[in-house]
Amino acid sequence: MEQQKLPNATLILVFGILSIVTCCCYGVIGLIFGIVSLVLANKAIALYKANPELYTDASNVKTGRILAIIGIVLSVLALIYYIGIIAYFGMDTIQDQQLMQEKLEELLGQ
């Protein structure tokens, strides 16, 4: 029987890369890409383990899975950072540039 590519192997790799690239977009977009990539990778790995002689591109799936995990961790850290900034300064302060400048000067002791 002829070997074929694992389903979504390239998509998993691309989504893993996008999860890292977009982790700074408030953490949400990178988190979505990372989770989707991780779910697809787990399905592809299970399919590969069932019949390893039928499929190729297992390395792309493994690489995409690792990138997705890194992207999820970075996105969660970014999300925690942004939530912490909002909790510390408050939404009103963040939206008002003058008030934000005053709070930063107060924080830095100037």
PDB file of N, CA and C in Angstrom:
ATOM      1  N   MET A   1       0.840  -1.178   0.000  1.00  0.00           N
ATOM      2  CA  MET A   1       0.000   0.000   0.000  1.00  0.00           C
ATOM      3  C   MET A   1       0.889   1.247   0.000  1.00  0.00           C
ATOM      4  N   GLU A   2       0.452   2.239  -0.697  1.00  0.00           N
ATOM      5  CA  GLU A   2       1.222   3.468  -0.860  1.00  0.00           C
ATOM      6  C   GLU A   2       1.103   4.354   0.379  1.00  0.00           C
ATOM      7  N   GLN A   3       2.254   4.953   0.766  1.00  0.00           N
ATOM      8  CA  GLN A   3       2.234   5.856   1.922  1.00  0.00           C
ATOM      9  C   GLN A   3       1.600   7.182   1.532  1.00  0.00           C
ATOM     10  N   GLN A   4       0.904   7.774   2.486  1.00  0.00           N
ATOM     11  CA  GLN A   4       0.272   9.069   2.264  1.00  0.00           C
ATOM     12  C   GLN A   4       0.616   9.998   3.427  1.00  0.00           C
ATOM     13  N   LYS A   5       0.419  11.284   3.193  1.00  0.00           N
ATOM     14  CA  LYS A   5       0.695  12.264   4.237  1.00  0.00           C
ATOM     15  C   LYS A   5      -0.366  12.168   5.332  1.00  0.00           C
ATOM     16  N   LEU A   6       0.067  12.470   6.540  1.00  0.00           N
ATOM     17  CA  LEU A   6      -0.897  12.531   7.635  1.00  0.00           C
ATOM     18  C   LEU A   6      -1.866  13.684   7.377  1.00  0.00           C
ATOM     19  N   PRO A   7      -3.133  13.485   7.673  1.00  0.00           N
ATOM     20  CA  PRO A   7      -4.080  14.579   7.458  1.00  0.00           C
ATOM     21  C   PRO A   7      -3.732  15.796   8.318  1.00  0.00           C
ATOM     22  N   ASN A   8      -3.789  16.946   7.722  1.00  0.00           N
ATOM     23  CA  ASN A   8      -3.565  18.233   8.394  1.00  0.00           C
ATOM     24  C   ASN A   8      -2.141  18.424   8.928  1.00  0.00           C
ATOM     25  N   ALA A   9      -1.166  17.688   8.423  1.00  0.00           N
ATOM     26  CA  ALA A   9       0.206  17.811   8.933  1.00  0.00           C
ATOM     27  C   ALA A   9       0.752  19.221   8.702  1.00  0.00           C
ATOM     28  N   THR A  10       0.547  19.754   7.521  1.00  0.00           N
ATOM     29  CA  THR A  10       1.029  21.100   7.221  1.00  0.00           C
ATOM     30  C   THR A  10       0.240  22.153   8.005  1.00  0.00           C
ATOM     31  N   LEU A  11      -1.060  21.946   8.135  1.00  0.00           N
ATOM     32  CA  LEU A  11      -1.906  22.877   8.890  1.00  0.00           C
ATOM     33  C   LEU A  11      -1.490  22.924  10.360  1.00  0.00           C
ATOM     34  N   ILE A  12      -1.168  21.779  10.907  1.00  0.00           N
ATOM     35  CA  ILE A  12      -0.713  21.723  12.304  1.00  0.00           C
ATOM     36  C   ILE A  12       0.573  22.524  12.472  1.00  0.00           C
ATOM     37  N   LEU A  13       1.488  22.373  11.542  1.00  0.00           N
ATOM     38  CA  LEU A  13       2.753  23.108  11.601  1.00  0.00           C
ATOM     39  C   LEU A  13       2.519  24.613  11.470  1.00  0.00           C
ATOM     40  N   VAL A  14       1.672  25.012  10.533  1.00  0.00           N
ATOM     41  CA  VAL A  14       1.387  26.437  10.324  1.00  0.00           C
ATOM     42  C   VAL A  14       0.687  27.037  11.548  1.00  0.00           C
ATOM     43  N   PHE A  15      -0.295  26.321  12.087  1.00  0.00           N
ATOM     44  CA  PHE A  15      -0.991  26.831  13.277  1.00  0.00           C
ATOM     45  C   PHE A  15      -0.055  26.892  14.490  1.00  0.00           C
ATOM     46  N   GLY A  16       0.875  25.956  14.594  1.00  0.00           N
ATOM     47  CA  GLY A  16       1.851  26.012  15.674  1.00  0.00           C
ATOM     48  C   GLY A  16       2.734  27.248  15.570  1.00  0.00           C
ATOM     49  N   ILE A  17       3.160  27.556  14.348  1.00  0.00           N
ATOM     50  CA  ILE A  17       3.960  28.763  14.127  1.00  0.00           C
ATOM     51  C   ILE A  17       3.131  30.013  14.412  1.00  0.00           C
ATOM     52  N   LEU A  18       1.893  30.039  13.933  1.00  0.00           N
ATOM     53  CA  LEU A  18       1.025  31.197  14.162  1.00  0.00           C
ATOM     54  C   LEU A  18       0.704  31.392  15.642  1.00  0.00           C
ATOM     55  N   SER A  19       0.661  30.321  16.403  1.00  0.00           N
ATOM     56  CA  SER A  19       0.384  30.476  17.834  1.00  0.00           C
ATOM     57  C   SER A  19       1.522  31.212  18.536  1.00  0.00           C
ATOM     58  N   ILE A  20       2.750  31.008  18.064  1.00  0.00           N
ATOM     59  CA  ILE A  20       3.883  31.734  18.648  1.00  0.00           C
ATOM     60  C   ILE A  20       3.914  33.171  18.155  1.00  0.00           C
ATOM     61  N   VAL A  21       3.677  33.357  16.871  1.00  0.00           N
ATOM     62  CA  VAL A  21       3.743  34.702  16.285  1.00  0.00           C
ATOM     63  C   VAL A  21       2.657  35.611  16.859  1.00  0.00           C
ATOM     64  N   THR A  22       1.470  35.073  17.100  1.00  0.00           N
ATOM     65  CA  THR A  22       0.348  35.896  17.557  1.00  0.00           C
ATOM     66  C   THR A  22       0.139  35.849  19.067  1.00  0.00           C
ATOM     67  N   CYS A  23       1.103  35.353  19.813  1.00  0.00           N
ATOM     68  CA  CYS A  23       0.911  35.281  21.261  1.00  0.00           C
ATOM     69  C   CYS A  23       0.844  36.666  21.908  1.00  0.00           C
ATOM     70  N   CYS A  24       1.379  37.675  21.253  1.00  0.00           N
ATOM     71  CA  CYS A  24       1.371  39.027  21.810  1.00  0.00           C
ATOM     72  C   CYS A  24       0.083  39.788  21.506  1.00  0.00           C
ATOM     73  N   CYS A  25      -0.814  39.194  20.767  1.00  0.00           N
ATOM     74  CA  CYS A  25      -2.104  39.825  20.457  1.00  0.00           C
ATOM     75  C   CYS A  25      -3.061  39.582  21.616  1.00  0.00           C
ATOM     76  N   TYR A  26      -2.728  40.124  22.776  1.00  0.00           N
ATOM     77  CA  TYR A  26      -3.479  39.976  24.012  1.00  0.00           C
ATOM     78  C   TYR A  26      -3.580  38.529  24.461  1.00  0.00           C
ATOM     79  N   GLY A  27      -2.833  37.627  23.860  1.00  0.00           N
ATOM     80  CA  GLY A  27      -2.793  36.246  24.271  1.00  0.00           C
ATOM     81  C   GLY A  27      -3.912  35.377  23.742  1.00  0.00           C
ATOM     82  N   VAL A  28      -4.979  35.988  23.260  1.00  0.00           N
ATOM     83  CA  VAL A  28      -6.165  35.233  22.874  1.00  0.00           C
ATOM     84  C   VAL A  28      -5.988  34.551  21.521  1.00  0.00           C
ATOM     85  N   ILE A  29      -5.499  35.254  20.540  1.00  0.00           N
ATOM     86  CA  ILE A  29      -5.377  34.690  19.196  1.00  0.00           C
ATOM     87  C   ILE A  29      -4.351  33.554  19.189  1.00  0.00           C
ATOM     88  N   GLY A  30      -3.229  33.748  19.856  1.00  0.00           N
ATOM     89  CA  GLY A  30      -2.226  32.704  19.948  1.00  0.00           C
ATOM     90  C   GLY A  30      -2.738  31.482  20.691  1.00  0.00           C
ATOM     91  N   LEU A  31      -3.562  31.711  21.698  1.00  0.00           N
ATOM     92  CA  LEU A  31      -4.155  30.618  22.456  1.00  0.00           C
ATOM     93  C   LEU A  31      -5.096  29.799  21.578  1.00  0.00           C
ATOM     94  N   ILE A  32      -5.881  30.462  20.753  1.00  0.00           N
ATOM     95  CA  ILE A  32      -6.796  29.759  19.849  1.00  0.00           C
ATOM     96  C   ILE A  32      -6.023  28.922  18.842  1.00  0.00           C
ATOM     97  N   PHE A  33      -5.022  29.524  18.188  1.00  0.00           N
ATOM     98  CA  PHE A  33      -4.209  28.778  17.225  1.00  0.00           C
ATOM     99  C   PHE A  33      -3.507  27.595  17.898  1.00  0.00           C
ATOM    100  N   GLY A  34      -2.991  27.806  19.087  1.00  0.00           N
ATOM    101  CA  GLY A  34      -2.273  26.754  19.791  1.00  0.00           C
ATOM    102  C   GLY A  34      -3.165  25.579  20.170  1.00  0.00           C
ATOM    103  N   ILE A  35      -4.346  25.885  20.668  1.00  0.00           N
ATOM    104  CA  ILE A  35      -5.262  24.822  21.073  1.00  0.00           C
ATOM    105  C   ILE A  35      -5.747  24.029  19.869  1.00  0.00           C
ATOM    106  N   VAL A  36      -6.100  24.727  18.784  1.00  0.00           N
ATOM    107  CA  VAL A  36      -6.544  24.029  17.572  1.00  0.00           C
ATOM    108  C   VAL A  36      -5.426  23.146  17.032  1.00  0.00           C
ATOM    109  N   SER A  37      -4.216  23.669  17.010  1.00  0.00           N
ATOM    110  CA  SER A  37      -3.076  22.896  16.520  1.00  0.00           C
ATOM    111  C   SER A  37      -2.816  21.679  17.402  1.00  0.00           C
ATOM    112  N   LEU A  38      -2.929  21.849  18.700  1.00  0.00           N
ATOM    113  CA  LEU A  38      -2.691  20.745  19.627  1.00  0.00           C
ATOM    114  C   LEU A  38      -3.737  19.649  19.472  1.00  0.00           C
ATOM    115  N   VAL A  39      -4.986  20.018  19.312  1.00  0.00           N
ATOM    116  CA  VAL A  39      -6.052  19.025  19.122  1.00  0.00           C
ATOM    117  C   VAL A  39      -5.850  18.263  17.817  1.00  0.00           C
ATOM    118  N   LEU A  40      -5.559  19.001  16.744  1.00  0.00           N
ATOM    119  CA  LEU A  40      -5.317  18.330  15.457  1.00  0.00           C
ATOM    120  C   LEU A  40      -4.088  17.426  15.515  1.00  0.00           C
ATOM    121  N   ALA A  41      -3.057  17.869  16.215  1.00  0.00           N
ATOM    122  CA  ALA A  41      -1.840  17.071  16.330  1.00  0.00           C
ATOM    123  C   ALA A  41      -2.093  15.787  17.109  1.00  0.00           C
ATOM    124  N   ASN A  42      -2.862  15.881  18.175  1.00  0.00           N
ATOM    125  CA  ASN A  42      -3.160  14.682  18.950  1.00  0.00           C
ATOM    126  C   ASN A  42      -3.952  13.665  18.123  1.00  0.00           C
ATOM    127  N   LYS A  43      -4.885  14.139  17.310  1.00  0.00           N
ATOM    128  CA  LYS A  43      -5.636  13.240  16.432  1.00  0.00           C
ATOM    129  C   LYS A  43      -4.719  12.609  15.391  1.00  0.00           C
ATOM    130  N   ALA A  44      -3.818  13.410  14.823  1.00  0.00           N
ATOM    131  CA  ALA A  44      -2.905  12.893  13.802  1.00  0.00           C
ATOM    132  C   ALA A  44      -1.912  11.899  14.399  1.00  0.00           C
ATOM    133  N   ILE A  45      -1.440  12.162  15.605  1.00  0.00           N
ATOM    134  CA  ILE A  45      -0.507  11.241  16.251  1.00  0.00           C
ATOM    135  C   ILE A  45      -1.193   9.917  16.574  1.00  0.00           C
ATOM    136  N   ALA A  46      -2.441   9.976  17.017  1.00  0.00           N
ATOM    137  CA  ALA A  46      -3.187   8.742  17.287  1.00  0.00           C
ATOM    138  C   ALA A  46      -3.381   7.943  16.002  1.00  0.00           C
ATOM    139  N   LEU A  47      -3.650   8.631  14.915  1.00  0.00           N
ATOM    140  CA  LEU A  47      -3.810   7.973  13.620  1.00  0.00           C
ATOM    141  C   LEU A  47      -2.497   7.349  13.165  1.00  0.00           C
ATOM    142  N   TYR A  48      -1.405   8.055  13.381  1.00  0.00           N
ATOM    143  CA  TYR A  48      -0.091   7.553  13.004  1.00  0.00           C
ATOM    144  C   TYR A  48       0.305   6.326  13.830  1.00  0.00           C
ATOM    145  N   LYS A  49       0.003   6.361  15.132  1.00  0.00           N
ATOM    146  CA  LYS A  49       0.350   5.233  16.000  1.00  0.00           C
ATOM    147  C   LYS A  49      -0.439   3.982  15.642  1.00  0.00           C
ATOM    148  N   ALA A  50      -1.633   4.159  15.105  1.00  0.00           N
ATOM    149  CA  ALA A  50      -2.444   3.005  14.713  1.00  0.00           C
ATOM    150  C   ALA A  50      -1.832   2.286  13.508  1.00  0.00           C
ATOM    151  N   ASN A  51      -1.334   3.032  12.533  1.00  0.00           N
ATOM    152  CA  ASN A  51      -0.727   2.467  11.320  1.00  0.00           C
ATOM    153  C   ASN A  51       0.469   3.304  10.888  1.00  0.00           C
ATOM    154  N   PRO A  52       1.620   3.159  11.520  1.00  0.00           N
ATOM    155  CA  PRO A  52       2.765   4.009  11.167  1.00  0.00           C
ATOM    156  C   PRO A  52       3.321   3.757   9.774  1.00  0.00           C
ATOM    157  N   GLU A  53       3.092   2.578   9.232  1.00  0.00           N
ATOM    158  CA  GLU A  53       3.635   2.288   7.902  1.00  0.00           C
ATOM    159  C   GLU A  53       2.832   2.936   6.781  1.00  0.00           C
ATOM    160  N   LEU A  54       1.637   3.428   7.081  1.00  0.00           N
ATOM    161  CA  LEU A  54       0.790   4.031   6.053  1.00  0.00           C
ATOM    162  C   LEU A  54       1.041   5.518   5.845  1.00  0.00           C
ATOM    163  N   TYR A  55       1.660   6.180   6.821  1.00  0.00           N
ATOM    164  CA  TYR A  55       1.714   7.640   6.797  1.00  0.00           C
ATOM    165  C   TYR A  55       3.142   8.165   6.827  1.00  0.00           C
ATOM    166  N   THR A  56       3.303   9.341   6.230  1.00  0.00           N
ATOM    167  CA  THR A  56       4.543  10.102   6.313  1.00  0.00           C
ATOM    168  C   THR A  56       4.236  11.439   6.987  1.00  0.00           C
ATOM    169  N   ASP A  57       5.212  12.289   7.120  1.00  0.00           N
ATOM    170  CA  ASP A  57       5.084  13.633   7.715  1.00  0.00           C
ATOM    171  C   ASP A  57       4.812  13.610   9.215  1.00  0.00           C
ATOM    172  N   ALA A  58       5.222  12.572   9.896  1.00  0.00           N
ATOM    173  CA  ALA A  58       5.057  12.546  11.349  1.00  0.00           C
ATOM    174  C   ALA A  58       5.932  13.615  12.008  1.00  0.00           C
ATOM    175  N   SER A  59       7.062  13.931  11.379  1.00  0.00           N
ATOM    176  CA  SER A  59       7.945  14.947  11.958  1.00  0.00           C
ATOM    177  C   SER A  59       7.296  16.328  11.931  1.00  0.00           C
ATOM    178  N   ASN A  60       6.527  16.637  10.880  1.00  0.00           N
ATOM    179  CA  ASN A  60       5.816  17.918  10.829  1.00  0.00           C
ATOM    180  C   ASN A  60       4.781  18.006  11.937  1.00  0.00           C
ATOM    181  N   VAL A  61       4.108  16.916  12.198  1.00  0.00           N
ATOM    182  CA  VAL A  61       3.088  16.907  13.251  1.00  0.00           C
ATOM    183  C   VAL A  61       3.737  17.089  14.618  1.00  0.00           C
ATOM    184  N   LYS A  62       4.851  16.394  14.854  1.00  0.00           N
ATOM    185  CA  LYS A  62       5.539  16.524  16.138  1.00  0.00           C
ATOM    186  C   LYS A  62       6.085  17.937  16.338  1.00  0.00           C
ATOM    187  N   THR A  63       6.650  18.501  15.275  1.00  0.00           N
ATOM    188  CA  THR A  63       7.162  19.866  15.362  1.00  0.00           C
ATOM    189  C   THR A  63       6.028  20.856  15.602  1.00  0.00           C
ATOM    190  N   GLY A  64       4.921  20.697  14.885  1.00  0.00           N
ATOM    191  CA  GLY A  64       3.764  21.566  15.081  1.00  0.00           C
ATOM    192  C   GLY A  64       3.196  21.459  16.476  1.00  0.00           C
ATOM    193  N   ARG A  65       3.214  20.250  17.026  1.00  0.00           N
ATOM    194  CA  ARG A  65       2.711  20.043  18.386  1.00  0.00           C
ATOM    195  C   ARG A  65       3.596  20.760  19.399  1.00  0.00           C
ATOM    196  N   ILE A  66       4.902  20.659  19.232  1.00  0.00           N
ATOM    197  CA  ILE A  66       5.834  21.345  20.141  1.00  0.00           C
ATOM    198  C   ILE A  66       5.662  22.858  20.032  1.00  0.00           C
ATOM    199  N   LEU A  67       5.547  23.358  18.804  1.00  0.00           N
ATOM    200  CA  LEU A  67       5.343  24.801  18.619  1.00  0.00           C
ATOM    201  C   LEU A  67       4.010  25.251  19.227  1.00  0.00           C
ATOM    202  N   ALA A  68       2.993  24.412  19.122  1.00  0.00           N
ATOM    203  CA  ALA A  68       1.691  24.750  19.709  1.00  0.00           C
ATOM    204  C   ALA A  68       1.783  24.838  21.225  1.00  0.00           C
ATOM    205  N   ILE A  69       2.514  23.923  21.832  1.00  0.00           N
ATOM    206  CA  ILE A  69       2.673  23.961  23.290  1.00  0.00           C
ATOM    207  C   ILE A  69       3.424  25.221  23.709  1.00  0.00           C
ATOM    208  N   ILE A  70       4.477  25.558  22.988  1.00  0.00           N
ATOM    209  CA  ILE A  70       5.224  26.790  23.281  1.00  0.00           C
ATOM    210  C   ILE A  70       4.319  28.008  23.091  1.00  0.00           C
ATOM    211  N   GLY A  71       3.546  28.026  21.999  1.00  0.00           N
ATOM    212  CA  GLY A  71       2.631  29.135  21.746  1.00  0.00           C
ATOM    213  C   GLY A  71       1.565  29.274  22.814  1.00  0.00           C
ATOM    214  N   ILE A  72       1.046  28.146  23.309  1.00  0.00           N
ATOM    215  CA  ILE A  72       0.041  28.194  24.375  1.00  0.00           C
ATOM    216  C   ILE A  72       0.646  28.772  25.651  1.00  0.00           C
ATOM    217  N   VAL A  73       1.840  28.335  25.992  1.00  0.00           N
ATOM    218  CA  VAL A  73       2.497  28.843  27.209  1.00  0.00           C
ATOM    219  C   VAL A  73       2.753  30.347  27.083  1.00  0.00           C
ATOM    220  N   LEU A  74       3.284  30.784  25.951  1.00  0.00           N
ATOM    221  CA  LEU A  74       3.539  32.217  25.753  1.00  0.00           C
ATOM    222  C   LEU A  74       2.245  33.024  25.757  1.00  0.00           C
ATOM    223  N   SER A  75       1.191  32.488  25.158  1.00  0.00           N
ATOM    224  CA  SER A  75      -0.094  33.183  25.118  1.00  0.00           C
ATOM    225  C   SER A  75      -0.709  33.301  26.506  1.00  0.00           C
ATOM    226  N   VAL A  76      -0.599  32.246  27.299  1.00  0.00           N
ATOM    227  CA  VAL A  76      -1.118  32.299  28.667  1.00  0.00           C
ATOM    228  C   VAL A  76      -0.337  33.314  29.487  1.00  0.00           C
ATOM    229  N   LEU A  77       0.981  33.345  29.318  1.00  0.00           N
ATOM    230  CA  LEU A  77       1.782  34.342  30.030  1.00  0.00           C
ATOM    231  C   LEU A  77       1.412  35.763  29.616  1.00  0.00           C
ATOM    232  N   ALA A  78       1.202  35.975  28.312  1.00  0.00           N
ATOM    233  CA  ALA A  78       0.793  37.296  27.834  1.00  0.00           C
ATOM    234  C   ALA A  78      -0.574  37.666  28.376  1.00  0.00           C
ATOM    235  N   LEU A  79      -1.485  36.710  28.404  1.00  0.00           N
ATOM    236  CA  LEU A  79      -2.835  36.962  28.923  1.00  0.00           C
ATOM    237  C   LEU A  79      -2.789  37.312  30.406  1.00  0.00           C
ATOM    238  N   ILE A  80      -1.978  36.598  31.161  1.00  0.00           N
ATOM    239  CA  ILE A  80      -1.827  36.904  32.586  1.00  0.00           C
ATOM    240  C   ILE A  80      -1.225  38.288  32.774  1.00  0.00           C
ATOM    241  N   TYR A  81      -0.253  38.643  31.932  1.00  0.00           N
ATOM    242  CA  TYR A  81       0.369  39.965  32.011  1.00  0.00           C
ATOM    243  C   TYR A  81      -0.665  41.070  31.769  1.00  0.00           C
ATOM    244  N   TYR A  82      -1.462  40.921  30.707  1.00  0.00           N
ATOM    245  CA  TYR A  82      -2.458  41.948  30.386  1.00  0.00           C
ATOM    246  C   TYR A  82      -3.543  42.030  31.449  1.00  0.00           C
ATOM    247  N   ILE A  83      -3.947  40.908  32.000  1.00  0.00           N
ATOM    248  CA  ILE A  83      -4.936  40.924  33.081  1.00  0.00           C
ATOM    249  C   ILE A  83      -4.351  41.604  34.307  1.00  0.00           C
ATOM    250  N   GLY A  84      -3.065  41.348  34.587  1.00  0.00           N
ATOM    251  CA  GLY A  84      -2.409  42.001  35.716  1.00  0.00           C
ATOM    252  C   GLY A  84      -2.312  43.509  35.540  1.00  0.00           C
ATOM    253  N   ILE A  85      -2.003  43.959  34.340  1.00  0.00           N
ATOM    254  CA  ILE A  85      -1.940  45.400  34.065  1.00  0.00           C
ATOM    255  C   ILE A  85      -3.304  46.045  34.261  1.00  0.00           C
ATOM    256  N   ILE A  86      -4.334  45.392  33.760  1.00  0.00           N
ATOM    257  CA  ILE A  86      -5.692  45.936  33.911  1.00  0.00           C
ATOM    258  C   ILE A  86      -6.105  45.928  35.381  1.00  0.00           C
ATOM    259  N   ALA A  87      -5.751  44.869  36.107  1.00  0.00           N
ATOM    260  CA  ALA A  87      -6.105  44.808  37.522  1.00  0.00           C
ATOM    261  C   ALA A  87      -5.354  45.865  38.332  1.00  0.00           C
ATOM    262  N   TYR A  88      -4.099  46.124  37.971  1.00  0.00           N
ATOM    263  CA  TYR A  88      -3.302  47.077  38.737  1.00  0.00           C
ATOM    264  C   TYR A  88      -3.703  48.522  38.454  1.00  0.00           C
ATOM    265  N   PHE A  89      -3.843  48.863  37.179  1.00  0.00           N
ATOM    266  CA  PHE A  89      -4.135  50.248  36.820  1.00  0.00           C
ATOM    267  C   PHE A  89      -5.625  50.527  36.687  1.00  0.00           C
ATOM    268  N   GLY A  90      -6.407  49.560  36.273  1.00  0.00           N
ATOM    269  CA  GLY A  90      -7.833  49.761  36.045  1.00  0.00           C
ATOM    270  C   GLY A  90      -8.092  50.212  34.616  1.00  0.00           C
ATOM    271  N   MET A  91      -9.267  49.901  34.115  1.00  0.00           N
ATOM    272  CA  MET A  91      -9.610  50.237  32.733  1.00  0.00           C
ATOM    273  C   MET A  91      -9.689  51.743  32.506  1.00  0.00           C
ATOM    274  N   ASP A  92     -10.195  52.479  33.486  1.00  0.00           N
ATOM    275  CA  ASP A  92     -10.304  53.932  33.317  1.00  0.00           C
ATOM    276  C   ASP A  92      -8.936  54.574  33.147  1.00  0.00           C
ATOM    277  N   THR A  93      -7.973  54.119  33.912  1.00  0.00           N
ATOM    278  CA  THR A  93      -6.614  54.652  33.824  1.00  0.00           C
ATOM    279  C   THR A  93      -5.975  54.303  32.488  1.00  0.00           C
ATOM    280  N   ILE A  94      -6.177  53.084  32.032  1.00  0.00           N
ATOM    281  CA  ILE A  94      -5.577  52.656  30.779  1.00  0.00           C
ATOM    282  C   ILE A  94      -6.159  53.417  29.595  1.00  0.00           C
ATOM    283  N   GLN A  95      -7.423  53.745  29.641  1.00  0.00           N
ATOM    284  CA  GLN A  95      -8.071  54.444  28.527  1.00  0.00           C
ATOM    285  C   GLN A  95      -7.776  55.932  28.515  1.00  0.00           C
ATOM    286  N   ASP A  96      -7.418  56.518  29.648  1.00  0.00           N
ATOM    287  CA  ASP A  96      -7.123  57.948  29.729  1.00  0.00           C
ATOM    288  C   ASP A  96      -5.597  58.129  29.742  1.00  0.00           C
ATOM    289  N   GLN A  97      -5.074  58.714  28.672  1.00  0.00           N
ATOM    290  CA  GLN A  97      -3.627  58.834  28.520  1.00  0.00           C
ATOM    291  C   GLN A  97      -3.009  59.722  29.596  1.00  0.00           C
ATOM    292  N   GLN A  98      -3.648  60.808  29.931  1.00  0.00           N
ATOM    293  CA  GLN A  98      -3.118  61.726  30.945  1.00  0.00           C
ATOM    294  C   GLN A  98      -3.076  61.056  32.322  1.00  0.00           C
ATOM    295  N   LEU A  99      -4.133  60.368  32.677  1.00  0.00           N
ATOM    296  CA  LEU A  99      -4.186  59.670  33.955  1.00  0.00           C
ATOM    297  C   LEU A  99      -3.154  58.539  34.005  1.00  0.00           C
ATOM    298  N   MET A 100      -2.964  57.881  32.891  1.00  0.00           N
ATOM    299  CA  MET A 100      -1.968  56.808  32.822  1.00  0.00           C
ATOM    300  C   MET A 100      -0.565  57.377  33.009  1.00  0.00           C
ATOM    301  N   GLN A 101      -0.298  58.515  32.400  1.00  0.00           N
ATOM    302  CA  GLN A 101       1.003  59.168  32.565  1.00  0.00           C
ATOM    303  C   GLN A 101       1.235  59.529  34.025  1.00  0.00           C
ATOM    304  N   GLU A 102       0.221  60.052  34.709  1.00  0.00           N
ATOM    305  CA  GLU A 102       0.344  60.393  36.121  1.00  0.00           C
ATOM    306  C   GLU A 102       0.621  59.162  36.976  1.00  0.00           C
ATOM    307  N   LYS A 103      -0.094  58.065  36.697  1.00  0.00           N
ATOM    308  CA  LYS A 103       0.092  56.831  37.462  1.00  0.00           C
ATOM    309  C   LYS A 103       1.498  56.259  37.256  1.00  0.00           C
ATOM    310  N   LEU A 104       1.994  56.319  36.015  1.00  0.00           N
ATOM    311  CA  LEU A 104       3.341  55.821  35.739  1.00  0.00           C
ATOM    312  C   LEU A 104       4.400  56.682  36.420  1.00  0.00           C
ATOM    313  N   GLU A 105       4.220  57.999  36.415  1.00  0.00           N
ATOM    314  CA  GLU A 105       5.164  58.887  37.093  1.00  0.00           C
ATOM    315  C   GLU A 105       5.137  58.634  38.605  1.00  0.00           C
ATOM    316  N   GLU A 106       3.937  58.414  39.139  1.00  0.00           N
ATOM    317  CA  GLU A 106       3.792  58.098  40.558  1.00  0.00           C
ATOM    318  C   GLU A 106       4.468  56.762  40.882  1.00  0.00           C
ATOM    319  N   LEU A 107       4.322  55.804  40.013  1.00  0.00           N
ATOM    320  CA  LEU A 107       4.921  54.493  40.202  1.00  0.00           C
ATOM    321  C   LEU A 107       6.443  54.549  40.153  1.00  0.00           C
ATOM    322  N   LEU A 108       6.983  55.366  39.246  1.00  0.00           N
ATOM    323  CA  LEU A 108       8.421  55.482  39.102  1.00  0.00           C
ATOM    324  C   LEU A 108       9.045  56.458  40.100  1.00  0.00           C
ATOM    325  N   GLY A 109       8.200  57.190  40.824  1.00  0.00           N
ATOM    326  CA  GLY A 109       8.699  58.102  41.849  1.00  0.00           C
ATOM    327  C   GLY A 109       9.248  59.404  41.291  1.00  0.00           C
ATOM    328  N   GLN A 110       8.710  59.877  40.196  1.00  0.00           N
ATOM    329  CA  GLN A 110       9.199  61.130  39.582  1.00  0.00           C
ATOM    330  C   GLN A 110       8.343  62.289  39.970  1.00  0.00           C
TER     331      GLN A 110
END
